[in-house]
Amino acid sequence: MATEELTVRGLTGVDLKLDVAGIGTRAYAFLIDWHIRVLLCLAWILLGVLLARVQPHWLHIPPGGRVLASLMVTLPALVCYFLYHPVLEVLMHGRTPGKRMAGARIVTREGATPGTGALLMRNLFRLIDTLPILYAVGVVCCMLTPQRVRIGDLAAGTVLVIDESKSRSKSLERLGALAQQSSLEPGAAALIEDLLDRWQDLEPRGRSTLARGLLKKLDSAMPPPQVDALDEVRLRARLQDLLGRA
């Protein structure tokens, strides 16, 4: 069976294709995450039981406080178990330890890193995907949908893709910093960044035309006739200077 792909429209006209993670990759990542959170919960419960038995001088449990002590042990364990995915996916920008080890990450349908709202929405619908047992609804949904998404992904507008090139995702994260380094608007910085990243993949005449068009619109310090006189090397260097790169 052919691998599903997510096509991301590039700002310079060159499309980027990301391989969609299949059920096997999802299951592998989930099993790793499941073992991690179960071990964390068991470690917390074991620590609570040991403290209750030893009862050091600073931990005095009155006879009527056994129920409260039990809640203090079990509630944090439950919170850790059920909030593992949403918290880590937000903190790790669409990844968890399991997804990282499986080589997968969550992206939007446009290929960007999902926001907090989308990641929380995705995990809220996890309650439906797990029904009736062992993620049956989620597995069936992944088998029937074109991009192997579960209901949570459909609600949040997200896709789980194979993270083959970390540099591609990092280039998106660099845009904010690059925009701060230069006087460009974020959208303009994104256009130049995308063109420079794909420079070697573009046809020479086409990339020169794109570069000259960007410089004429964004570089007020250089008159259009001077832009037209630049060769490819100087065009690229001028774009790098405009972007604020070293």
Protein backbone atom coordinates (compact mmCIF):
# COMPACT_ATOMS: atom_id res chain seq x y z
CA MET A 1 0.00 0.00 0.00
CA ALA A 2 1.38 3.42 -0.98
CA THR A 3 2.41 5.80 1.75
CA GLU A 4 -0.03 8.64 2.35
CA GLU A 5 1.45 12.11 1.94
CA LEU A 6 0.60 15.57 3.24
CA THR A 7 1.31 18.22 0.62
CA VAL A 8 2.35 21.60 2.03
CA ARG A 9 2.20 24.55 -0.34
CA GLY A 10 5.54 26.34 -0.35
CA LEU A 11 5.70 30.12 -0.34
CA THR A 12 7.97 30.06 -3.39
CA GLY A 13 5.82 27.65 -5.37
CA VAL A 14 7.75 24.48 -4.47
CA ASP A 15 5.54 22.00 -2.62
CA LEU A 16 6.82 20.06 0.37
CA LYS A 17 5.56 16.51 0.87
CA LEU A 18 5.46 14.94 4.33
CA ASP A 19 4.87 11.22 4.80
CA VAL A 20 1.83 10.53 6.95
CA ALA A 21 2.41 8.18 9.89
CA GLY A 22 0.49 4.93 9.63
CA ILE A 23 -1.21 2.85 12.30
CA GLY A 24 2.02 0.97 13.04
CA THR A 25 3.93 4.16 13.84
CA ARG A 26 1.04 5.43 15.95
CA ALA A 27 0.87 2.18 17.90
CA TYR A 28 4.62 2.11 18.48
CA ALA A 29 4.65 5.70 19.78
CA PHE A 30 1.60 5.07 21.96
CA LEU A 31 3.10 1.95 23.54
CA ILE A 32 6.27 3.84 24.47
CA ASP A 33 4.29 6.71 25.97
CA TRP A 34 1.97 4.29 27.77
CA HIS A 35 4.89 2.52 29.45
CA ILE A 36 6.46 5.83 30.46
CA ARG A 37 3.33 7.21 32.10
CA VAL A 38 2.46 3.92 33.80
CA LEU A 39 5.97 3.70 35.25
CA LEU A 40 5.73 7.31 36.47
CA CYS A 41 2.39 6.64 38.13
CA LEU A 42 3.59 3.42 39.74
CA ALA A 43 6.74 5.15 41.01
CA TRP A 44 4.64 7.87 42.64
CA ILE A 45 2.27 5.34 44.22
CA LEU A 46 5.18 3.24 45.46
CA LEU A 47 6.78 6.31 47.02
CA GLY A 48 3.51 7.16 48.76
CA VAL A 49 3.10 3.64 50.11
CA LEU A 50 6.69 3.59 51.43
CA LEU A 51 6.26 6.94 53.15
CA ALA A 52 2.99 5.78 54.71
CA ARG A 53 4.65 2.65 56.11
CA VAL A 54 7.84 4.27 57.34
CA GLN A 55 6.16 7.51 58.45
CA PRO A 56 9.18 9.77 59.07
CA HIS A 57 8.96 12.38 61.80
CA TRP A 58 7.87 15.10 59.37
CA LEU A 59 5.02 12.94 58.01
CA HIS A 60 2.40 12.34 60.67
CA ILE A 61 -0.80 10.70 59.44
CA PRO A 62 -3.58 10.78 62.02
CA PRO A 63 -5.89 7.76 62.27
CA GLY A 64 -8.70 9.65 60.55
CA GLY A 65 -6.48 10.88 57.75
CA ARG A 66 -5.97 7.61 55.92
CA VAL A 67 -8.52 8.49 53.24
CA LEU A 68 -6.91 11.89 52.68
CA ALA A 69 -3.48 10.29 52.48
CA SER A 70 -4.76 7.79 49.92
CA LEU A 71 -6.16 10.61 47.80
CA MET A 72 -2.86 12.46 47.99
CA VAL A 73 -1.20 9.39 46.50
CA THR A 74 -3.76 8.36 43.89
CA LEU A 75 -4.92 11.76 42.57
CA PRO A 76 -1.48 12.93 41.37
CA ALA A 77 -0.97 9.54 39.74
CA LEU A 78 -4.28 9.87 37.88
CA VAL A 79 -3.47 13.43 36.84
CA CYS A 80 -0.10 12.26 35.50
CA TYR A 81 -1.74 9.42 33.56
CA PHE A 82 -4.53 11.42 31.92
CA LEU A 83 -2.65 14.69 31.30
CA TYR A 84 0.54 13.08 30.02
CA HIS A 85 -0.29 13.52 26.33
CA PRO A 86 -1.83 17.02 26.32
CA VAL A 87 0.82 18.56 28.57
CA LEU A 88 3.82 17.04 26.78
CA GLU A 89 2.44 17.69 23.29
CA VAL A 90 2.05 21.37 24.18
CA LEU A 91 5.47 21.64 25.84
CA MET A 92 7.26 19.64 23.13
CA HIS A 93 5.46 21.33 20.21
CA GLY A 94 3.54 18.39 18.83
CA ARG A 95 5.72 15.60 20.15
CA THR A 96 5.95 13.25 23.12
CA PRO A 97 8.86 11.00 24.11
CA GLY A 98 7.11 8.14 22.32
CA LYS A 99 6.50 10.14 19.15
CA ARG A 100 10.09 11.36 19.17
CA MET A 101 11.40 7.78 19.45
CA ALA A 102 9.00 6.64 16.72
CA GLY A 103 10.14 9.49 14.47
CA ALA A 104 6.76 11.21 14.29
CA ARG A 105 5.31 14.62 15.09
CA ILE A 106 1.97 16.40 14.95
CA VAL A 107 1.46 19.15 12.37
CA THR A 108 -1.47 21.14 11.05
CA ARG A 109 -2.84 20.48 7.59
CA GLU A 110 -0.64 23.37 6.43
CA GLY A 111 2.47 21.68 7.84
CA ALA A 112 2.95 24.09 10.75
CA THR A 113 3.32 23.32 14.45
CA PRO A 114 -0.17 23.16 16.05
CA GLY A 115 -1.16 25.72 18.66
CA THR A 116 -2.13 24.95 22.22
CA GLY A 117 -5.85 25.03 21.42
CA ALA A 118 -5.54 22.49 18.61
CA LEU A 119 -3.44 20.11 20.73
CA LEU A 120 -5.87 20.31 23.64
CA MET A 121 -8.80 19.72 21.29
CA ARG A 122 -7.02 16.71 19.81
CA ASN A 123 -6.57 15.17 23.24
CA LEU A 124 -10.08 15.99 24.39
CA PHE A 125 -11.44 13.78 21.61
CA ARG A 126 -9.07 11.03 22.71
CA LEU A 127 -11.90 9.99 25.06
CA ILE A 128 -13.99 9.11 22.00
CA ASP A 129 -11.13 7.50 20.08
CA THR A 130 -10.49 5.06 22.94
CA LEU A 131 -14.04 3.68 22.83
CA PRO A 132 -15.16 1.01 23.37
CA ILE A 133 -11.76 -0.46 24.24
CA LEU A 134 -8.14 -0.39 22.98
CA TYR A 135 -8.67 2.65 20.74
CA ALA A 136 -11.11 0.76 18.53
CA VAL A 137 -12.83 3.91 17.22
CA GLY A 138 -9.50 5.62 16.58
CA VAL A 139 -8.04 2.63 14.74
CA VAL A 140 -11.08 2.27 12.49
CA CYS A 141 -11.03 6.00 11.77
CA CYS A 142 -7.33 5.83 10.85
CA MET A 143 -8.02 2.94 8.47
CA LEU A 144 -10.84 4.77 6.67
CA THR A 145 -9.51 8.33 6.40
CA PRO A 146 -7.14 9.42 3.58
CA GLN A 147 -4.42 10.82 5.86
CA ARG A 148 -4.72 8.16 8.58
CA VAL A 149 -6.21 10.56 11.13
CA ARG A 150 -8.38 9.75 14.13
CA ILE A 151 -11.40 11.73 15.31
CA GLY A 152 -9.24 13.94 17.51
CA ASP A 153 -7.17 14.92 14.47
CA LEU A 154 -10.28 15.65 12.44
CA ALA A 155 -11.59 17.95 15.17
CA ALA A 156 -8.26 19.74 15.65
CA GLY A 157 -7.19 19.87 12.01
CA THR A 158 -3.96 17.99 12.70
CA VAL A 159 -2.01 15.16 11.05
CA LEU A 160 0.65 12.83 12.45
CA VAL A 161 3.59 12.78 10.03
CA ILE A 162 6.97 11.09 9.83
CA ASP A 163 9.61 13.47 11.12
CA GLU A 164 12.29 12.58 8.58
CA SER A 165 14.00 15.95 8.48
CA LYS A 166 14.17 17.91 11.71
CA SER A 167 15.75 20.79 9.83
CA ARG A 168 12.49 21.36 7.97
CA SER A 169 10.53 21.81 11.17
CA LYS A 170 13.27 23.90 12.73
CA SER A 171 13.18 26.26 9.75
CA LEU A 172 9.61 27.15 10.69
CA GLU A 173 10.63 27.80 14.27
CA ARG A 174 13.46 30.09 13.10
CA LEU A 175 11.11 32.50 11.33
CA GLY A 176 10.10 34.37 14.47
CA ALA A 177 13.70 34.89 15.51
CA LEU A 178 14.72 35.93 12.00
CA ALA A 179 11.92 38.47 11.83
CA GLN A 180 13.10 39.96 15.12
CA GLN A 181 16.68 40.24 13.85
CA SER A 182 15.63 42.22 10.79
CA SER A 183 13.19 45.05 10.17
CA LEU A 184 10.97 42.85 8.01
CA GLU A 185 7.42 41.82 8.74
CA PRO A 186 7.08 38.12 9.71
CA GLY A 187 5.38 37.30 6.40
CA ALA A 188 8.17 38.91 4.39
CA ALA A 189 10.83 37.15 6.47
CA ALA A 190 9.04 33.87 5.82
CA LEU A 191 9.11 34.45 2.05
CA ILE A 192 12.84 35.15 2.00
CA GLU A 193 13.59 32.27 4.39
CA ASP A 194 11.63 29.86 2.21
CA LEU A 195 13.36 31.02 -0.96
CA LEU A 196 16.85 30.72 0.57
CA ASP A 197 16.13 27.27 2.00
CA ARG A 198 14.98 26.01 -1.41
CA TRP A 199 17.57 27.92 -3.45
CA GLN A 200 19.44 24.83 -4.70
CA ASP A 201 16.20 23.03 -5.61
CA LEU A 202 14.86 25.83 -7.82
CA GLU A 203 15.60 26.41 -11.49
CA PRO A 204 18.26 29.19 -11.73
CA ARG A 205 16.20 31.53 -13.88
CA GLY A 206 13.11 31.08 -11.72
CA ARG A 207 14.92 31.69 -8.43
CA SER A 208 16.63 34.80 -9.83
CA THR A 209 13.26 36.18 -10.90
CA LEU A 210 11.79 35.48 -7.47
CA ALA A 211 14.78 37.02 -5.71
CA ARG A 212 14.67 40.20 -7.80
CA GLY A 213 10.93 40.54 -7.26
CA LEU A 214 11.34 40.24 -3.47
CA LEU A 215 14.22 42.71 -3.36
CA LYS A 216 12.34 45.30 -5.42
CA LYS A 217 9.39 45.10 -3.03
CA LEU A 218 11.24 44.80 0.27
CA ASP A 219 14.66 46.45 -0.14
CA SER A 220 14.02 50.16 -0.25
CA ALA A 221 17.76 50.91 -0.04
CA MET A 222 18.46 49.48 -3.50
CA PRO A 223 16.87 50.97 -6.64
CA PRO A 224 15.29 48.51 -9.12
CA PRO A 225 17.97 49.05 -11.82
CA GLN A 226 20.67 48.00 -9.34
CA VAL A 227 18.65 44.92 -8.40
CA ASP A 228 18.39 43.94 -12.08
CA ALA A 229 22.17 44.23 -12.40
CA LEU A 230 22.91 41.75 -9.59
CA ASP A 231 24.11 38.26 -10.48
CA GLU A 232 22.93 35.13 -8.64
CA VAL A 233 25.66 35.22 -6.00
CA ARG A 234 24.99 38.84 -5.09
CA LEU A 235 21.22 38.30 -5.24
CA ARG A 236 21.47 35.56 -2.64
CA ALA A 237 23.87 37.56 -0.49
CA ARG A 238 21.55 40.57 -0.61
CA LEU A 239 18.62 38.44 0.51
CA GLN A 240 20.68 37.08 3.39
CA ASP A 241 21.65 40.60 4.44
CA LEU A 242 18.03 41.72 4.23
CA LEU A 243 16.96 38.79 6.38
CA GLY A 244 19.57 39.57 8.99
CA ARG A 245 21.66 36.43 8.66
CA ALA A 246 25.35 36.40 9.51
